Amino acid sequence: MRVLVADRLPEASLVEIRSLGVEVDYQPDLTADGLREALAGVGVLVVRGTEVSAEAIEANPSLSLIVRAGAGTGRIDVATANARGVYVANTPGKNACAVAELTFTLMGALDRRVLDATLSLREGRWEKGDYARAVGLAGRRLGVVGLGHVGRRVAELGHAYGMSVRAWSRSLTRAKAQQLEVGYAASIRELAAESDVLSLHLSLNERTRNIVGAAELAALPHGSILINTAQSELVDVEALLAEMAKRELRVGLDVLPGEPTARTGEYQHALLSHPLCYATPHIGASTDQAQRGLADECVRVLRAFLVEGQVPNVVNVSVTSAARYQLVVRHLDKVGVLANTLSVLKRHGLNVEELDNAVFDGARAGCARIRLSSRPADACLQEIRAFSPDVLHVAVLTLPNLA
């Protein structure tokens, strides 16, 4: 099998992948435009920020797995992968510490105006009187929007800084908030109104796009801090520009609207001309520790897929199933037994939703569990039992409806 690595991985990780007996094609500078041709004959694709389009997936029938080195899959056409039966996995949580650390770096830098003070010194000015005024972070109110891996780590660091931490997420309950030792907010607007610092840690989807709009920004206290190290599209940019001037908001960004796809280039935006905005070029996960963690998790996913046929961290396999019945077939471990059983099911128009087969010690017998959306008729069961002595026993179980 060929594995295409289309973004940068440490050499040690590439050595581990090669040790699995696969051919590794390492093209870390591959662009989205070149991906379609590069995928020819590839079974597994590993990416970080490279876009994986519907056209690239559809044009390469050998592609079985896409692994994204990072959290989220926003630049992968998952809908097309679903339609083509291609697994999509990611590596959640492996960059959480790095992103949380940058969150607090921006927070502290904004509070102490570190960038402005540095530029002042570089220009030969000693302006201690101007830059000695800062509130500090201890005792201030930190609002965390989203309690995934990064959000939870930010909350932990907030406690370590001596901050009062409250949070909001769609799945957060008062009981869960108490367990995580954070205050509960019923909405982002409510959280914003009671936060000196509001930090965003949500993934981007249609429900979260512009989730922080004019109402939420207007609720922030005058002179408070907004940090976004997650996705730029979470915030209504026009509303943010208006409120920054009106409310003297200090804003720290690691994600910016319309970011260039190239690693180097030019970039301009009205946000960056605002004196109360500090920004970094999407480097939240770019620490050596985070990169090693992401690479190691990619290798783990790939190893499980190749050796065990399992896909850890898969994001596009249906959690629910249409199966309502389970056909249990105990059988001799012989060639053709399962093929005969599946042939009978096909003749009776029964669609197999899921199938697994366990072989017992000694490799003399096995047990197949075949999940079906419809109950097999007695005639169907009799046909399968007719394969005796190869078929030892046949039973049908009604599955509980967990929907």
Protein backbone atom coordinates (compact mmCIF):
# COMPACT_ATOMS: atom_id res chain seq x y z
CA MET A 1 0.00 0.00 0.00
CA ARG A 2 1.12 3.54 -0.77
CA VAL A 3 0.87 6.28 1.85
CA LEU A 4 1.04 9.90 0.68
CA VAL A 5 2.19 12.37 3.35
CA ALA A 6 1.22 15.77 1.94
CA ASP A 7 2.36 17.93 4.88
CA ARG A 8 5.43 18.04 7.10
CA LEU A 9 6.07 15.18 9.54
CA PRO A 10 9.25 14.51 11.55
CA GLU A 11 11.67 12.06 9.96
CA ALA A 12 11.29 9.70 12.93
CA SER A 13 7.54 9.43 12.20
CA LEU A 14 8.21 8.69 8.53
CA VAL A 15 10.60 5.91 9.59
CA GLU A 16 7.86 4.43 11.80
CA ILE A 17 5.36 4.50 8.94
CA ARG A 18 7.84 2.79 6.60
CA SER A 19 8.41 0.10 9.23
CA LEU A 20 4.76 -0.92 8.76
CA GLY A 21 5.68 -2.29 5.34
CA VAL A 22 4.13 0.47 3.25
CA GLU A 23 5.57 2.70 0.55
CA VAL A 24 5.76 6.30 1.78
CA ASP A 25 5.52 9.17 -0.72
CA TYR A 26 6.61 12.29 1.17
CA GLN A 27 5.55 15.52 -0.54
CA PRO A 28 5.30 18.15 2.24
CA ASP A 29 4.99 21.07 -0.19
CA LEU A 30 2.16 19.58 -2.23
CA THR A 31 -0.66 22.03 -2.98
CA ALA A 32 -4.37 21.33 -3.23
CA ASP A 33 -4.14 21.70 -7.02
CA GLY A 34 -1.51 18.97 -7.28
CA LEU A 35 -3.17 16.57 -4.88
CA ARG A 36 -5.51 14.94 -7.39
CA GLU A 37 -2.69 13.60 -9.56
CA ALA A 38 -0.44 12.77 -6.61
CA LEU A 39 -3.17 10.56 -5.09
CA ALA A 40 -3.15 8.09 -8.01
CA GLY A 41 -2.67 4.61 -6.54
CA VAL A 42 -2.53 5.91 -2.95
CA GLY A 43 -4.34 4.02 -0.17
CA VAL A 44 -3.80 6.45 2.73
CA LEU A 45 -3.43 10.23 2.69
CA VAL A 46 -1.93 12.18 5.60
CA VAL A 47 -2.50 15.94 5.61
CA ARG A 48 -2.33 18.84 8.01
CA GLY A 49 -3.56 22.00 6.32
CA THR A 50 -3.72 20.89 2.68
CA GLU A 51 -7.22 21.05 1.22
CA VAL A 52 -8.66 17.70 0.11
CA SER A 53 -11.35 18.42 -2.46
CA ALA A 54 -14.26 16.32 -3.68
CA GLU A 55 -12.54 16.04 -7.07
CA ALA A 56 -9.35 14.64 -5.52
CA ILE A 57 -11.31 11.99 -3.58
CA GLU A 58 -13.59 11.00 -6.47
CA ALA A 59 -10.71 10.65 -8.93
CA ASN A 60 -8.82 8.10 -6.81
CA PRO A 61 -10.76 4.89 -6.08
CA SER A 62 -7.81 3.32 -4.23
CA LEU A 63 -8.01 5.92 -1.44
CA SER A 64 -9.27 4.26 1.76
CA LEU A 65 -8.25 6.58 4.61
CA ILE A 66 -7.52 10.28 5.11
CA VAL A 67 -5.71 11.22 8.33
CA ARG A 68 -5.67 14.87 9.35
CA ALA A 69 -2.78 15.79 11.66
CA GLY A 70 -4.77 18.11 13.89
CA ALA A 71 -8.22 18.61 15.35
CA GLY A 72 -11.15 19.13 13.01
CA THR A 73 -11.50 18.24 9.34
CA GLY A 74 -12.63 21.57 7.90
CA ARG A 75 -10.44 21.45 4.77
CA ILE A 76 -11.44 17.89 3.86
CA ASP A 77 -14.61 17.23 1.84
CA VAL A 78 -16.00 14.74 4.34
CA ALA A 79 -19.36 14.47 2.52
CA THR A 80 -17.61 13.11 -0.57
CA ALA A 81 -15.50 10.77 1.58
CA ASN A 82 -18.75 9.45 3.09
CA ALA A 83 -20.22 8.81 -0.35
CA ARG A 84 -17.05 6.98 -1.47
CA GLY A 85 -16.62 4.91 1.69
CA VAL A 86 -13.36 6.62 2.65
CA TYR A 87 -12.51 6.82 6.34
CA VAL A 88 -11.58 10.27 7.71
CA ALA A 89 -9.72 10.49 11.02
CA ASN A 90 -8.03 13.28 12.94
CA THR A 91 -5.75 13.68 15.96
CA PRO A 92 -7.79 15.59 18.54
CA GLY A 93 -6.23 17.02 21.66
CA LYS A 94 -2.60 16.59 20.67
CA ASN A 95 -2.08 20.32 20.17
CA ALA A 96 -4.30 21.43 23.06
CA CYS A 97 -1.45 22.48 25.36
CA ALA A 98 0.26 24.48 22.62
CA VAL A 99 -2.91 26.39 21.69
CA ALA A 100 -3.81 27.00 25.34
CA GLU A 101 -0.30 28.34 26.01
CA LEU A 102 -0.58 30.78 23.09
CA THR A 103 -4.00 31.83 24.38
CA PHE A 104 -2.45 32.91 27.66
CA THR A 105 0.56 34.44 25.90
CA LEU A 106 -1.80 36.72 23.97
CA MET A 107 -3.84 37.38 27.09
CA GLY A 108 -0.83 38.46 29.13
CA ALA A 109 0.71 40.42 26.27
CA LEU A 110 -2.50 42.41 25.80
CA ASP A 111 -2.86 43.10 29.51
CA ARG A 112 0.74 44.32 29.80
CA ARG A 113 0.94 45.81 26.25
CA VAL A 114 4.14 43.85 25.68
CA LEU A 115 4.30 44.42 21.92
CA ASP A 116 3.88 48.18 22.19
CA ALA A 117 6.45 48.40 24.97
CA THR A 118 8.96 46.41 22.92
CA LEU A 119 8.45 48.56 19.83
CA SER A 120 8.83 51.68 21.97
CA LEU A 121 12.17 50.46 23.33
CA ARG A 122 13.38 49.49 19.85
CA GLU A 123 12.69 53.05 18.76
CA GLY A 124 14.92 54.30 21.59
CA ARG A 125 12.20 55.48 23.98
CA TRP A 126 11.99 54.64 27.70
CA GLU A 127 8.28 55.03 28.51
CA LYS A 128 7.92 53.16 31.77
CA GLY A 129 5.19 55.49 32.96
CA ASP A 130 2.94 54.55 30.04
CA TYR A 131 3.51 50.80 30.18
CA ALA A 132 3.63 50.28 33.93
CA ARG A 133 -0.16 50.46 34.07
CA ALA A 134 -1.81 47.03 33.80
CA VAL A 135 -4.63 45.26 35.62
CA GLY A 136 -3.10 41.75 35.86
CA LEU A 137 -4.85 38.40 35.34
CA ALA A 138 -5.17 36.99 38.86
CA GLY A 139 -8.68 37.41 40.20
CA ARG A 140 -10.15 38.42 36.84
CA ARG A 141 -13.12 36.70 35.21
CA LEU A 142 -12.27 34.29 32.38
CA GLY A 143 -15.06 33.12 30.05
CA VAL A 144 -14.31 30.01 27.99
CA VAL A 145 -16.50 29.37 24.92
CA GLY A 146 -16.26 25.67 24.06
CA LEU A 147 -15.00 22.92 26.34
CA GLY A 148 -13.21 20.57 24.00
CA HIS A 149 -9.58 19.59 24.53
CA VAL A 150 -8.28 23.15 24.18
CA GLY A 151 -11.10 24.81 26.10
CA ARG A 152 -10.65 22.48 29.07
CA ARG A 153 -6.90 23.14 29.08
CA VAL A 154 -7.50 26.90 28.99
CA ALA A 155 -9.88 26.54 31.95
CA GLU A 156 -7.20 24.62 33.87
CA LEU A 157 -4.61 27.31 33.16
CA GLY A 158 -7.12 29.96 34.19
CA HIS A 159 -7.42 28.32 37.59
CA ALA A 160 -3.62 28.17 37.84
CA TYR A 161 -3.48 31.92 37.16
CA GLY A 162 -5.98 32.49 39.95
CA MET A 163 -8.77 33.55 37.62
CA SER A 164 -12.50 32.99 38.14
CA VAL A 165 -13.50 30.65 35.29
CA ARG A 166 -16.94 30.32 33.71
CA ALA A 167 -17.83 28.49 30.50
CA TRP A 168 -20.42 27.86 27.83
CA SER A 169 -20.85 25.03 25.34
CA ARG A 170 -23.93 23.46 23.77
CA SER A 171 -23.48 20.24 25.73
CA LEU A 172 -22.51 21.81 29.06
CA THR A 173 -24.89 21.21 31.96
CA ARG A 174 -24.74 22.65 35.45
CA ALA A 175 -23.71 19.25 36.78
CA LYS A 176 -20.92 18.91 34.21
CA ALA A 177 -19.74 22.47 34.94
CA GLN A 178 -19.56 21.65 38.62
CA GLN A 179 -17.54 18.52 37.84
CA LEU A 180 -15.09 20.59 35.74
CA GLU A 181 -14.97 23.25 38.46
CA VAL A 182 -16.15 26.03 36.17
CA GLY A 183 -19.12 28.35 36.44
CA TYR A 184 -22.09 27.70 34.15
CA ALA A 185 -23.39 30.18 31.59
CA ALA A 186 -26.63 29.60 29.69
CA SER A 187 -25.51 31.55 26.60
CA ILE A 188 -22.45 33.20 25.09
CA ARG A 189 -24.06 36.59 25.60
CA GLU A 190 -24.53 35.88 29.30
CA LEU A 191 -20.94 34.64 29.54
CA ALA A 192 -19.58 37.71 27.71
CA ALA A 193 -21.38 40.08 30.05
CA GLU A 194 -19.62 38.54 33.05
CA SER A 195 -16.12 38.12 31.55
CA ASP A 196 -13.06 40.34 31.70
CA VAL A 197 -11.48 37.94 29.21
CA LEU A 198 -13.51 35.91 26.68
CA SER A 199 -11.64 33.09 24.91
CA LEU A 200 -13.06 31.15 21.96
CA HIS A 201 -12.44 27.43 21.47
CA LEU A 202 -15.14 26.07 19.16
CA SER A 203 -14.84 24.10 15.94
CA LEU A 204 -16.34 25.72 12.86
CA ASN A 205 -19.62 24.50 11.38
CA GLU A 206 -22.84 26.09 10.18
CA ARG A 207 -24.11 26.41 13.76
CA THR A 208 -20.99 28.17 15.02
CA ARG A 209 -20.24 30.48 12.08
CA ASN A 210 -20.51 34.10 13.37
CA ILE A 211 -21.72 32.72 16.70
CA VAL A 212 -20.06 35.73 18.35
CA GLY A 213 -21.91 38.63 16.78
CA ALA A 214 -22.82 42.20 17.59
CA ALA A 215 -24.99 41.29 20.59
CA GLU A 216 -22.30 39.14 22.21
CA LEU A 217 -19.55 41.71 21.58
CA ALA A 218 -21.72 44.54 22.91
CA ALA A 219 -22.23 42.53 26.11
CA LEU A 220 -18.49 42.51 26.87
CA PRO A 221 -17.44 44.97 29.59
CA HIS A 222 -15.66 48.13 28.46
CA GLY A 223 -11.92 47.47 28.02
CA SER A 224 -12.19 43.68 28.23
CA ILE A 225 -10.10 41.18 26.24
CA LEU A 226 -11.29 38.87 23.44
CA ILE A 227 -9.04 35.95 22.41
CA ASN A 228 -9.65 33.78 19.33
CA THR A 229 -7.19 30.96 18.67
CA ALA A 230 -9.82 28.65 17.13
CA GLN A 231 -11.46 29.80 13.87
CA SER A 232 -11.76 33.33 12.49
CA GLU A 233 -15.26 32.66 11.16
CA LEU A 234 -16.60 32.25 14.70
CA VAL A 235 -16.68 36.05 14.99
CA ASP A 236 -18.60 38.63 12.96
CA VAL A 237 -15.60 40.67 11.82
CA GLU A 238 -17.50 43.83 10.93
CA ALA A 239 -19.17 43.85 14.34
CA LEU A 240 -15.79 43.26 15.98
CA LEU A 241 -14.20 46.23 14.21
CA ALA A 242 -17.08 48.45 15.33
CA GLU A 243 -16.97 47.31 18.96
CA MET A 244 -13.16 47.50 19.23
CA ALA A 245 -13.31 51.25 18.69
CA LYS A 246 -16.50 51.79 20.66
CA ARG A 247 -15.69 49.69 23.72
CA GLU A 248 -11.86 49.76 23.65
CA LEU A 249 -11.75 45.98 23.39
CA ARG A 250 -8.32 44.39 23.37
CA VAL A 251 -8.24 41.56 20.86
CA GLY A 252 -5.75 38.68 20.54
CA LEU A 253 -5.96 36.59 17.37
CA ASP A 254 -4.13 33.55 16.04
CA VAL A 255 -6.73 33.09 13.27
CA LEU A 256 -7.54 35.78 10.73
CA PRO A 257 -10.10 36.25 7.94
CA GLY A 258 -8.99 35.03 4.52
CA GLU A 259 -5.68 33.56 5.63
CA PRO A 260 -3.23 32.79 2.79
CA THR A 261 -2.84 29.10 1.98
CA ALA A 262 0.91 29.45 1.37
CA ARG A 263 3.35 29.26 4.28
CA THR A 264 4.84 32.64 3.33
CA GLY A 265 3.34 35.61 1.51
CA GLU A 266 1.63 38.93 2.06
CA TYR A 267 -1.43 39.59 4.20
CA GLN A 268 -3.38 42.69 5.16
CA HIS A 269 -6.59 43.25 7.10
CA ALA A 270 -8.24 46.18 8.83
CA LEU A 271 -8.05 44.33 12.17
CA LEU A 272 -4.25 44.55 12.13
CA SER A 273 -4.26 48.33 11.87
CA HIS A 274 -6.07 48.63 15.18
CA PRO A 275 -3.66 49.47 18.03
CA LEU A 276 -5.52 47.21 20.48
CA CYS A 277 -5.22 44.09 18.30
CA TYR A 278 -2.31 41.66 18.70
CA ALA A 279 -2.11 38.80 16.21
CA THR A 280 0.02 35.84 15.20
CA PRO A 281 -0.06 34.00 11.82
CA HIS A 282 -1.95 30.86 12.88
CA ILE A 283 0.88 29.32 14.88
CA GLY A 284 -1.13 28.01 17.85
CA ALA A 285 -0.19 24.37 17.32
CA SER A 286 3.30 25.10 16.02
CA THR A 287 5.47 23.96 18.89
CA ASP A 288 7.90 21.07 18.67
CA GLN A 289 5.98 19.28 21.45
CA ALA A 290 2.68 19.63 19.61
CA GLN A 291 4.15 18.56 16.27
CA ARG A 292 5.60 15.40 17.82
CA GLY A 293 2.28 14.63 19.48
CA LEU A 294 0.35 15.10 16.23
CA ALA A 295 2.82 12.98 14.28
CA ASP A 296 2.80 10.18 16.85
CA GLU A 297 -1.00 10.09 16.79
CA CYS A 298 -1.01 9.92 12.97
CA VAL A 299 1.31 6.92 13.16
CA ARG A 300 -0.96 5.28 15.76
CA VAL A 301 -4.02 5.73 13.55
CA LEU A 302 -2.19 4.36 10.52
CA ARG A 303 -0.81 1.38 12.44
CA ALA A 304 -4.26 0.45 13.76
CA PHE A 305 -5.73 0.69 10.26
CA LEU A 306 -3.05 -1.46 8.65
CA VAL A 307 -2.57 -4.04 11.41
CA GLU A 308 -6.00 -4.30 13.06
CA GLY A 309 -8.38 -2.94 10.44
CA GLN A 310 -9.54 -0.31 12.97
CA VAL A 311 -9.58 3.48 12.58
CA PRO A 312 -9.05 5.39 15.86
CA ASN A 313 -10.50 8.91 15.94
CA VAL A 314 -12.67 8.25 12.88
CA VAL A 315 -15.12 11.12 12.36
CA ASN A 316 -17.38 9.92 9.55
CA VAL A 317 -18.67 6.48 10.58
CA SER A 318 -22.33 6.61 11.54
CA VAL A 319 -22.89 6.34 15.28
CA THR A 320 -26.42 5.05 14.75
CA SER A 321 -27.37 2.15 12.51
CA ALA A 322 -30.49 1.12 10.63
CA ALA A 323 -29.93 -2.44 11.86
CA ARG A 324 -32.79 -3.78 14.00
CA TYR A 325 -31.97 -7.50 13.94
CA GLN A 326 -28.81 -9.51 14.46
CA LEU A 327 -28.34 -12.82 12.73
CA VAL A 328 -25.95 -15.02 14.72
CA VAL A 329 -24.37 -17.86 12.75
CA ARG A 330 -22.02 -20.30 14.50
CA HIS A 331 -20.10 -22.19 11.85
CA LEU A 332 -17.05 -24.27 11.02
CA ASP A 333 -14.09 -22.14 9.97
CA LYS A 334 -14.14 -23.30 6.36
CA VAL A 335 -13.94 -21.59 2.99
CA GLY A 336 -17.31 -20.56 1.57
CA VAL A 337 -19.49 -20.80 4.69
CA LEU A 338 -19.93 -17.06 5.09
CA ALA A 339 -20.15 -16.55 1.33
CA ASN A 340 -23.05 -19.03 1.19
CA THR A 341 -24.81 -17.25 4.06
CA LEU A 342 -24.45 -13.83 2.44
CA SER A 343 -25.68 -15.26 -0.86
CA VAL A 344 -28.89 -16.45 0.83
CA LEU A 345 -29.41 -13.02 2.40
CA LYS A 346 -28.96 -11.38 -0.99
CA ARG A 347 -31.55 -13.70 -2.59
CA HIS A 348 -34.05 -12.70 0.09
CA GLY A 349 -33.35 -8.98 -0.42
CA LEU A 350 -31.84 -8.42 3.04
CA ASN A 351 -29.26 -5.64 3.29
CA VAL A 352 -26.31 -6.20 5.63
CA GLU A 353 -25.68 -3.10 7.78
CA GLU A 354 -22.74 -4.47 9.81
CA LEU A 355 -20.83 -7.75 9.96
CA ASP A 356 -18.11 -9.18 12.15
CA ASN A 357 -16.74 -12.68 12.48
CA ALA A 358 -14.81 -14.11 15.43
CA VAL A 359 -12.68 -17.27 15.09
CA PHE A 360 -12.18 -19.38 18.23
CA ASP A 361 -8.89 -20.83 19.46
CA GLY A 362 -7.78 -23.71 17.27
CA ALA A 363 -9.36 -22.17 14.16
CA ARG A 364 -12.00 -24.89 13.95
CA ALA A 365 -15.10 -22.77 14.46
CA GLY A 366 -16.26 -19.17 14.25
CA CYS A 367 -19.23 -17.00 15.04
CA ALA A 368 -20.58 -14.42 12.59
CA ARG A 369 -22.79 -11.58 13.78
CA ILE A 370 -24.65 -10.04 10.87
CA ARG A 371 -26.79 -6.97 11.53
CA LEU A 372 -29.78 -6.47 9.27
CA SER A 373 -32.42 -3.77 8.88
CA SER A 374 -35.19 -6.37 8.30
CA ARG A 375 -35.99 -9.64 10.04
CA PRO A 376 -35.09 -12.76 8.01
CA ALA A 377 -38.08 -14.92 7.13
CA ASP A 378 -38.22 -18.52 8.34
CA ALA A 379 -37.56 -19.70 4.77
CA CYS A 380 -34.34 -17.65 4.72
CA LEU A 381 -33.19 -19.16 8.04
CA GLN A 382 -33.95 -22.68 6.82
CA GLU A 383 -31.81 -22.13 3.73
CA ILE A 384 -28.86 -21.07 5.91
CA ARG A 385 -29.37 -24.03 8.28
CA ALA A 386 -29.36 -26.34 5.25
CA PHE A 387 -25.60 -25.76 4.95
CA SER A 388 -25.17 -28.13 7.91
CA PRO A 389 -22.78 -29.59 9.06
CA ASP A 390 -20.73 -26.49 8.15
CA VAL A 391 -23.35 -24.29 9.84
CA LEU A 392 -23.63 -25.27 13.51
CA HIS A 393 -26.42 -22.98 14.72
CA VAL A 394 -28.51 -20.02 13.49
CA ALA A 395 -30.40 -17.54 15.68
CA VAL A 396 -32.03 -14.11 15.26
CA LEU A 397 -31.91 -11.45 17.95
CA THR A 398 -34.00 -8.26 18.05
CA LEU A 399 -31.70 -5.31 18.75
CA PRO A 400 -32.79 -2.63 21.24
CA ASN A 401 -33.85 0.64 19.67
CA LEU A 402 -31.37 3.14 21.14
CA ALA A 403 -32.38 6.08 18.96
